[in-house]
Amino acid sequence: MPALNTQQRRAAFWEDQQRRKWNPVAAPADYEHSSARFYISETHAAYPVLNYCELADINLTQPLENDTESTPHT
C-alpha cells in the first residue's frame, strides 16, 4: 500500500471519526476545551483563564486562604 500524503491522511482520519459516530464541532472555537475559544472570545467555558501577565499580580508565596483553592497532591 502506498504512503498517504497529508491531505489523504486527514481525509481518512475524518472518515474514520464519522464511522465511529464521533460528533466533531463545526469550528475549533466551538470545542468546549478549546484554546481557540479563549483567544477569539476571551472567555472559557469551565473556569476563568488568566493572561500570563496577570500572574505578576498574584503572590504565589502566600499560603492558600482555604483548601478549596487547590487540589491535594497524593
PDB file of N, CA and C in Angstrom:
ATOM      1  N   MET A   1       0.847  -1.173   0.000  1.00  0.00           N
ATOM      2  CA  MET A   1       0.000   0.000   0.000  1.00  0.00           C
ATOM      3  C   MET A   1       0.898   1.244   0.000  1.00  0.00           C
ATOM      4  N   PRO A   2       0.648   2.204  -0.890  1.00  0.00           N
ATOM      5  CA  PRO A   2       1.485   3.405  -0.944  1.00  0.00           C
ATOM      6  C   PRO A   2       1.235   4.301   0.275  1.00  0.00           C
ATOM      7  N   ALA A   3       2.231   5.097   0.607  1.00  0.00           N
ATOM      8  CA  ALA A   3       2.103   6.034   1.729  1.00  0.00           C
ATOM      9  C   ALA A   3       1.089   7.122   1.379  1.00  0.00           C
ATOM     10  N   LEU A   4       0.344   7.544   2.368  1.00  0.00           N
ATOM     11  CA  LEU A   4      -0.656   8.588   2.157  1.00  0.00           C
ATOM     12  C   LEU A   4      -0.032   9.957   2.384  1.00  0.00           C
ATOM     13  N   ASN A   5      -0.439  10.916   1.571  1.00  0.00           N
ATOM     14  CA  ASN A   5       0.031  12.280   1.814  1.00  0.00           C
ATOM     15  C   ASN A   5      -0.814  12.901   2.928  1.00  0.00           C
ATOM     16  N   THR A   6      -0.464  14.089   3.332  1.00  0.00           N
ATOM     17  CA  THR A   6      -1.132  14.736   4.463  1.00  0.00           C
ATOM     18  C   THR A   6      -2.625  14.900   4.223  1.00  0.00           C
ATOM     19  N   GLN A   7      -2.998  15.325   3.041  1.00  0.00           N
ATOM     20  CA  GLN A   7      -4.416  15.531   2.742  1.00  0.00           C
ATOM     21  C   GLN A   7      -5.178  14.206   2.791  1.00  0.00           C
ATOM     22  N   GLN A   8      -4.587  13.139   2.280  1.00  0.00           N
ATOM     23  CA  GLN A   8      -5.237  11.832   2.304  1.00  0.00           C
ATOM     24  C   GLN A   8      -5.379  11.315   3.737  1.00  0.00           C
ATOM     25  N   ARG A   9      -4.335  11.525   4.552  1.00  0.00           N
ATOM     26  CA  ARG A   9      -4.407  11.093   5.954  1.00  0.00           C
ATOM     27  C   ARG A   9      -5.488  11.863   6.700  1.00  0.00           C
ATOM     28  N   ARG A  10      -5.580  13.159   6.441  1.00  0.00           N
ATOM     29  CA  ARG A  10      -6.602  13.980   7.085  1.00  0.00           C
ATOM     30  C   ARG A  10      -7.998  13.489   6.686  1.00  0.00           C
ATOM     31  N   ALA A  11      -8.190  13.203   5.418  1.00  0.00           N
ATOM     32  CA  ALA A  11      -9.486  12.713   4.937  1.00  0.00           C
ATOM     33  C   ALA A  11      -9.806  11.353   5.553  1.00  0.00           C
ATOM     34  N   ALA A  12      -8.809  10.476   5.636  1.00  0.00           N
ATOM     35  CA  ALA A  12      -9.016   9.153   6.228  1.00  0.00           C
ATOM     36  C   ALA A  12      -9.370   9.282   7.706  1.00  0.00           C
ATOM     37  N   PHE A  13      -8.695  10.169   8.406  1.00  0.00           N
ATOM     38  CA  PHE A  13      -8.993  10.396   9.820  1.00  0.00           C
ATOM     39  C   PHE A  13     -10.428  10.874   9.977  1.00  0.00           C
ATOM     40  N   TRP A  14     -10.831  11.847   9.168  1.00  0.00           N
ATOM     41  CA  TRP A  14     -12.189  12.387   9.241  1.00  0.00           C
ATOM     42  C   TRP A  14     -13.228  11.300   8.974  1.00  0.00           C
ATOM     43  N   GLU A  15     -12.997  10.499   7.947  1.00  0.00           N
ATOM     44  CA  GLU A  15     -13.939   9.426   7.621  1.00  0.00           C
ATOM     45  C   GLU A  15     -14.020   8.410   8.751  1.00  0.00           C
ATOM     46  N   ASP A  16     -12.877   8.090   9.360  1.00  0.00           N
ATOM     47  CA  ASP A  16     -12.855   7.147  10.473  1.00  0.00           C
ATOM     48  C   ASP A  16     -13.675   7.686  11.640  1.00  0.00           C
ATOM     49  N   GLN A  17     -13.525   8.957  11.938  1.00  0.00           N
ATOM     50  CA  GLN A  17     -14.272   9.550  13.042  1.00  0.00           C
ATOM     51  C   GLN A  17     -15.770   9.563  12.741  1.00  0.00           C
ATOM     52  N   GLN A  18     -16.133   9.767  11.493  1.00  0.00           N
ATOM     53  CA  GLN A  18     -17.545   9.750  11.124  1.00  0.00           C
ATOM     54  C   GLN A  18     -18.129   8.347  11.293  1.00  0.00           C
ATOM     55  N   ARG A  19     -17.358   7.337  10.937  1.00  0.00           N
ATOM     56  CA  ARG A  19     -17.824   5.961  11.098  1.00  0.00           C
ATOM     57  C   ARG A  19     -18.047   5.619  12.569  1.00  0.00           C
ATOM     58  N   ARG A  20     -17.250   6.201  13.434  1.00  0.00           N
ATOM     59  CA  ARG A  20     -17.390   5.949  14.870  1.00  0.00           C
ATOM     60  C   ARG A  20     -18.507   6.792  15.480  1.00  0.00           C
ATOM     61  N   LYS A  21     -19.206   7.534  14.663  1.00  0.00           N
ATOM     62  CA  LYS A  21     -20.269   8.432  15.099  1.00  0.00           C
ATOM     63  C   LYS A  21     -19.735   9.475  16.073  1.00  0.00           C
ATOM     64  N   TRP A  22     -18.546   9.917  15.786  1.00  0.00           N
ATOM     65  CA  TRP A  22     -17.927  10.993  16.554  1.00  0.00           C
ATOM     66  C   TRP A  22     -18.651  12.264  16.195  1.00  0.00           C
ATOM     67  N   ASN A  23     -18.784  13.179  17.081  1.00  0.00           N
ATOM     68  CA  ASN A  23     -19.514  14.403  16.801  1.00  0.00           C
ATOM     69  C   ASN A  23     -18.565  15.600  16.862  1.00  0.00           C
ATOM     70  N   PRO A  24     -17.771  15.804  15.810  1.00  0.00           N
ATOM     71  CA  PRO A  24     -16.842  16.937  15.840  1.00  0.00           C
ATOM     72  C   PRO A  24     -17.602  18.262  15.762  1.00  0.00           C
ATOM     73  N   VAL A  25     -16.993  19.294  16.263  1.00  0.00           N
ATOM     74  CA  VAL A  25     -17.606  20.622  16.223  1.00  0.00           C
ATOM     75  C   VAL A  25     -17.376  21.252  14.856  1.00  0.00           C
ATOM     76  N   ALA A  26     -18.178  22.255  14.552  1.00  0.00           N
ATOM     77  CA  ALA A  26     -18.070  22.912  13.247  1.00  0.00           C
ATOM     78  C   ALA A  26     -16.825  23.784  13.147  1.00  0.00           C
ATOM     79  N   ALA A  27     -16.418  24.375  14.266  1.00  0.00           N
ATOM     80  CA  ALA A  27     -15.252  25.263  14.271  1.00  0.00           C
ATOM     81  C   ALA A  27     -14.444  25.008  15.540  1.00  0.00           C
ATOM     82  N   PRO A  28     -13.141  25.214  15.492  1.00  0.00           N
ATOM     83  CA  PRO A  28     -12.312  24.970  16.680  1.00  0.00           C
ATOM     84  C   PRO A  28     -12.787  25.731  17.921  1.00  0.00           C
ATOM     85  N   ALA A  29     -13.304  26.927  17.750  1.00  0.00           N
ATOM     86  CA  ALA A  29     -13.760  27.718  18.897  1.00  0.00           C
ATOM     87  C   ALA A  29     -15.015  27.132  19.542  1.00  0.00           C
ATOM     88  N   ASP A  30     -15.701  26.225  18.849  1.00  0.00           N
ATOM     89  CA  ASP A  30     -16.907  25.608  19.395  1.00  0.00           C
ATOM     90  C   ASP A  30     -16.600  24.454  20.346  1.00  0.00           C
ATOM     91  N   TYR A  31     -15.368  23.953  20.313  1.00  0.00           N
ATOM     92  CA  TYR A  31     -14.998  22.843  21.189  1.00  0.00           C
ATOM     93  C   TYR A  31     -14.910  23.347  22.624  1.00  0.00           C
ATOM     94  N   GLU A  32     -15.494  22.608  23.555  1.00  0.00           N
ATOM     95  CA  GLU A  32     -15.604  23.062  24.945  1.00  0.00           C
ATOM     96  C   GLU A  32     -14.262  23.434  25.575  1.00  0.00           C
ATOM     97  N   HIS A  33     -13.229  22.666  25.315  1.00  0.00           N
ATOM     98  CA  HIS A  33     -11.932  22.893  25.956  1.00  0.00           C
ATOM     99  C   HIS A  33     -10.918  23.522  25.005  1.00  0.00           C
ATOM    100  N   SER A  34     -11.392  24.268  24.036  1.00  0.00           N
ATOM    101  CA  SER A  34     -10.523  24.826  23.010  1.00  0.00           C
ATOM    102  C   SER A  34      -9.822  26.099  23.461  1.00  0.00           C
ATOM    103  N   SER A  35      -8.526  26.168  23.207  1.00  0.00           N
ATOM    104  CA  SER A  35      -7.823  27.427  23.456  1.00  0.00           C
ATOM    105  C   SER A  35      -8.252  28.465  22.421  1.00  0.00           C
ATOM    106  N   ALA A  36      -8.712  28.012  21.256  1.00  0.00           N
ATOM    107  CA  ALA A  36      -9.181  28.944  20.229  1.00  0.00           C
ATOM    108  C   ALA A  36     -10.358  29.763  20.747  1.00  0.00           C
ATOM    109  N   ARG A  37     -11.244  29.129  21.502  1.00  0.00           N
ATOM    110  CA  ARG A  37     -12.390  29.849  22.064  1.00  0.00           C
ATOM    111  C   ARG A  37     -11.906  31.006  22.936  1.00  0.00           C
ATOM    112  N   PHE A  38     -10.909  30.742  23.757  1.00  0.00           N
ATOM    113  CA  PHE A  38     -10.396  31.786  24.643  1.00  0.00           C
ATOM    114  C   PHE A  38      -9.767  32.921  23.848  1.00  0.00           C
ATOM    115  N   TYR A  39      -8.955  32.599  22.853  1.00  0.00           N
ATOM    116  CA  TYR A  39      -8.268  33.651  22.108  1.00  0.00           C
ATOM    117  C   TYR A  39      -9.206  34.446  21.207  1.00  0.00           C
ATOM    118  N   ILE A  40     -10.299  33.835  20.768  1.00  0.00           N
ATOM    119  CA  ILE A  40     -11.262  34.539  19.919  1.00  0.00           C
ATOM    120  C   ILE A  40     -12.237  35.363  20.760  1.00  0.00           C
ATOM    121  N   SER A  41     -12.798  34.747  21.806  1.00  0.00           N
ATOM    122  CA  SER A  41     -13.846  35.421  22.579  1.00  0.00           C
ATOM    123  C   SER A  41     -13.398  35.894  23.956  1.00  0.00           C
ATOM    124  N   GLU A  42     -12.195  35.514  24.368  1.00  0.00           N
ATOM    125  CA  GLU A  42     -11.656  35.834  25.693  1.00  0.00           C
ATOM    126  C   GLU A  42     -12.516  35.288  26.824  1.00  0.00           C
ATOM    127  N   THR A  43     -13.239  34.204  26.564  1.00  0.00           N
ATOM    128  CA  THR A  43     -13.992  33.510  27.606  1.00  0.00           C
ATOM    129  C   THR A  43     -13.655  32.029  27.542  1.00  0.00           C
ATOM    130  N   HIS A  44     -13.779  31.376  28.681  1.00  0.00           N
ATOM    131  CA  HIS A  44     -13.532  29.941  28.749  1.00  0.00           C
ATOM    132  C   HIS A  44     -14.757  29.300  29.365  1.00  0.00           C
ATOM    133  N   ALA A  45     -15.123  28.144  28.895  1.00  0.00           N
ATOM    134  CA  ALA A  45     -16.358  27.507  29.333  1.00  0.00           C
ATOM    135  C   ALA A  45     -16.306  27.034  30.782  1.00  0.00           C
ATOM    136  N   ALA A  46     -15.188  26.506  31.228  1.00  0.00           N
ATOM    137  CA  ALA A  46     -15.149  25.840  32.522  1.00  0.00           C
ATOM    138  C   ALA A  46     -14.671  26.720  33.673  1.00  0.00           C
ATOM    139  N   TYR A  47     -13.712  27.572  33.438  1.00  0.00           N
ATOM    140  CA  TYR A  47     -13.122  28.350  34.520  1.00  0.00           C
ATOM    141  C   TYR A  47     -12.473  29.603  33.947  1.00  0.00           C
ATOM    142  N   PRO A  48     -12.267  30.617  34.773  1.00  0.00           N
ATOM    143  CA  PRO A  48     -11.615  31.827  34.269  1.00  0.00           C
ATOM    144  C   PRO A  48     -10.154  31.548  33.917  1.00  0.00           C
ATOM    145  N   VAL A  49      -9.704  32.120  32.845  1.00  0.00           N
ATOM    146  CA  VAL A  49      -8.327  31.935  32.400  1.00  0.00           C
ATOM    147  C   VAL A  49      -7.600  33.261  32.548  1.00  0.00           C
ATOM    148  N   LEU A  50      -6.421  33.199  33.149  1.00  0.00           N
ATOM    149  CA  LEU A  50      -5.620  34.402  33.330  1.00  0.00           C
ATOM    150  C   LEU A  50      -4.626  34.551  32.199  1.00  0.00           C
ATOM    151  N   ASN A  51      -4.360  35.780  31.849  1.00  0.00           N
ATOM    152  CA  ASN A  51      -3.264  36.079  30.951  1.00  0.00           C
ATOM    153  C   ASN A  51      -1.982  35.909  31.759  1.00  0.00           C
ATOM    154  N   TYR A  52      -0.924  35.478  31.143  1.00  0.00           N
ATOM    155  CA  TYR A  52       0.304  35.252  31.902  1.00  0.00           C
ATOM    156  C   TYR A  52       0.794  36.527  32.585  1.00  0.00           C
ATOM    157  N   CYS A  53       0.465  37.691  32.047  1.00  0.00           N
ATOM    158  CA  CYS A  53       0.867  38.950  32.682  1.00  0.00           C
ATOM    159  C   CYS A  53       0.139  39.163  34.013  1.00  0.00           C
ATOM    160  N   GLU A  54      -1.075  38.619  34.128  1.00  0.00           N
ATOM    161  CA  GLU A  54      -1.836  38.764  35.366  1.00  0.00           C
ATOM    162  C   GLU A  54      -1.217  37.975  36.518  1.00  0.00           C
ATOM    163  N   LEU A  55      -0.399  36.994  36.215  1.00  0.00           N
ATOM    164  CA  LEU A  55       0.247  36.218  37.268  1.00  0.00           C
ATOM    165  C   LEU A  55       1.190  37.081  38.098  1.00  0.00           C
ATOM    166  N   ALA A  56       1.688  38.161  37.531  1.00  0.00           N
ATOM    167  CA  ALA A  56       2.571  39.061  38.271  1.00  0.00           C
ATOM    168  C   ALA A  56       1.834  39.719  39.434  1.00  0.00           C
ATOM    169  N   ASP A  57       0.507  39.812  39.353  1.00  0.00           N
ATOM    170  CA  ASP A  57      -0.291  40.430  40.412  1.00  0.00           C
ATOM    171  C   ASP A  57      -0.646  39.457  41.535  1.00  0.00           C
ATOM    172  N   ILE A  58      -0.286  38.187  41.396  1.00  0.00           N
ATOM    173  CA  ILE A  58      -0.629  37.172  42.387  1.00  0.00           C
ATOM    174  C   ILE A  58       0.620  36.816  43.180  1.00  0.00           C
ATOM    175  N   ASN A  59       0.511  36.870  44.491  1.00  0.00           N
ATOM    176  CA  ASN A  59       1.629  36.491  45.346  1.00  0.00           C
ATOM    177  C   ASN A  59       1.600  34.973  45.516  1.00  0.00           C
ATOM    178  N   LEU A  60       2.438  34.288  44.792  1.00  0.00           N
ATOM    179  CA  LEU A  60       2.450  32.831  44.817  1.00  0.00           C
ATOM    180  C   LEU A  60       3.202  32.270  46.014  1.00  0.00           C
ATOM    181  N   THR A  61       3.788  33.130  46.845  1.00  0.00           N
ATOM    182  CA  THR A  61       4.500  32.655  48.033  1.00  0.00           C
ATOM    183  C   THR A  61       3.590  32.590  49.255  1.00  0.00           C
ATOM    184  N   GLN A  62       2.397  33.179  49.184  1.00  0.00           N
ATOM    185  CA  GLN A  62       1.459  33.168  50.308  1.00  0.00           C
ATOM    186  C   GLN A  62       0.718  31.834  50.366  1.00  0.00           C
ATOM    187  N   PRO A  63       0.390  31.353  51.579  1.00  0.00           N
ATOM    188  CA  PRO A  63      -0.411  30.124  51.688  1.00  0.00           C
ATOM    189  C   PRO A  63      -1.823  30.372  51.149  1.00  0.00           C
ATOM    190  N   LEU A  64      -2.485  29.311  50.768  1.00  0.00           N
ATOM    191  CA  LEU A  64      -3.849  29.412  50.267  1.00  0.00           C
ATOM    192  C   LEU A  64      -4.781  29.849  51.385  1.00  0.00           C
ATOM    193  N   GLU A  65      -5.834  30.576  51.019  1.00  0.00           N
ATOM    194  CA  GLU A  65      -6.796  31.031  52.026  1.00  0.00           C
ATOM    195  C   GLU A  65      -7.652  29.891  52.541  1.00  0.00           C
ATOM    196  N   ASN A  66      -7.940  28.923  51.672  1.00  0.00           N
ATOM    197  CA  ASN A  66      -8.718  27.763  52.111  1.00  0.00           C
ATOM    198  C   ASN A  66      -8.359  26.568  51.244  1.00  0.00           C
ATOM    199  N   ASP A  67      -8.799  25.397  51.669  1.00  0.00           N
ATOM    200  CA  ASP A  67      -8.428  24.162  50.979  1.00  0.00           C
ATOM    201  C   ASP A  67      -9.082  24.008  49.618  1.00  0.00           C
ATOM    202  N   THR A  68     -10.138  24.761  49.345  1.00  0.00           N
ATOM    203  CA  THR A  68     -10.822  24.614  48.062  1.00  0.00           C
ATOM    204  C   THR A  68     -10.064  25.277  46.927  1.00  0.00           C
ATOM    205  N   GLU A  69      -9.033  26.040  47.247  1.00  0.00           N
ATOM    206  CA  GLU A  69      -8.262  26.713  46.207  1.00  0.00           C
ATOM    207  C   GLU A  69      -7.276  25.786  45.515  1.00  0.00           C
ATOM    208  N   SER A  70      -7.091  24.602  46.054  1.00  0.00           N
ATOM    209  CA  SER A  70      -6.114  23.689  45.479  1.00  0.00           C
ATOM    210  C   SER A  70      -6.594  22.258  45.620  1.00  0.00           C
ATOM    211  N   THR A  71      -6.154  21.437  44.712  1.00  0.00           N
ATOM    212  CA  THR A  71      -6.422  20.011  44.792  1.00  0.00           C
ATOM    213  C   THR A  71      -5.259  19.358  45.524  1.00  0.00           C
ATOM    214  N   PRO A  72      -5.528  18.541  46.544  1.00  0.00           N
ATOM    215  CA  PRO A  72      -4.419  17.907  47.261  1.00  0.00           C
ATOM    216  C   PRO A  72      -3.612  16.994  46.346  1.00  0.00           C
ATOM    217  N   HIS A  73      -2.327  17.026  46.506  1.00  0.00           N
ATOM    218  CA  HIS A  73      -1.444  16.150  45.743  1.00  0.00           C
ATOM    219  C   HIS A  73      -1.225  14.872  46.527  1.00  0.00           C
ATOM    220  N   THR A  74      -1.320  13.744  45.845  1.00  0.00           N
ATOM    221  CA  THR A  74      -1.100  12.464  46.527  1.00  0.00           C
ATOM    222  C   THR A  74       0.150  11.803  46.036  1.00  0.00           C
TER     223      THR A  74
END
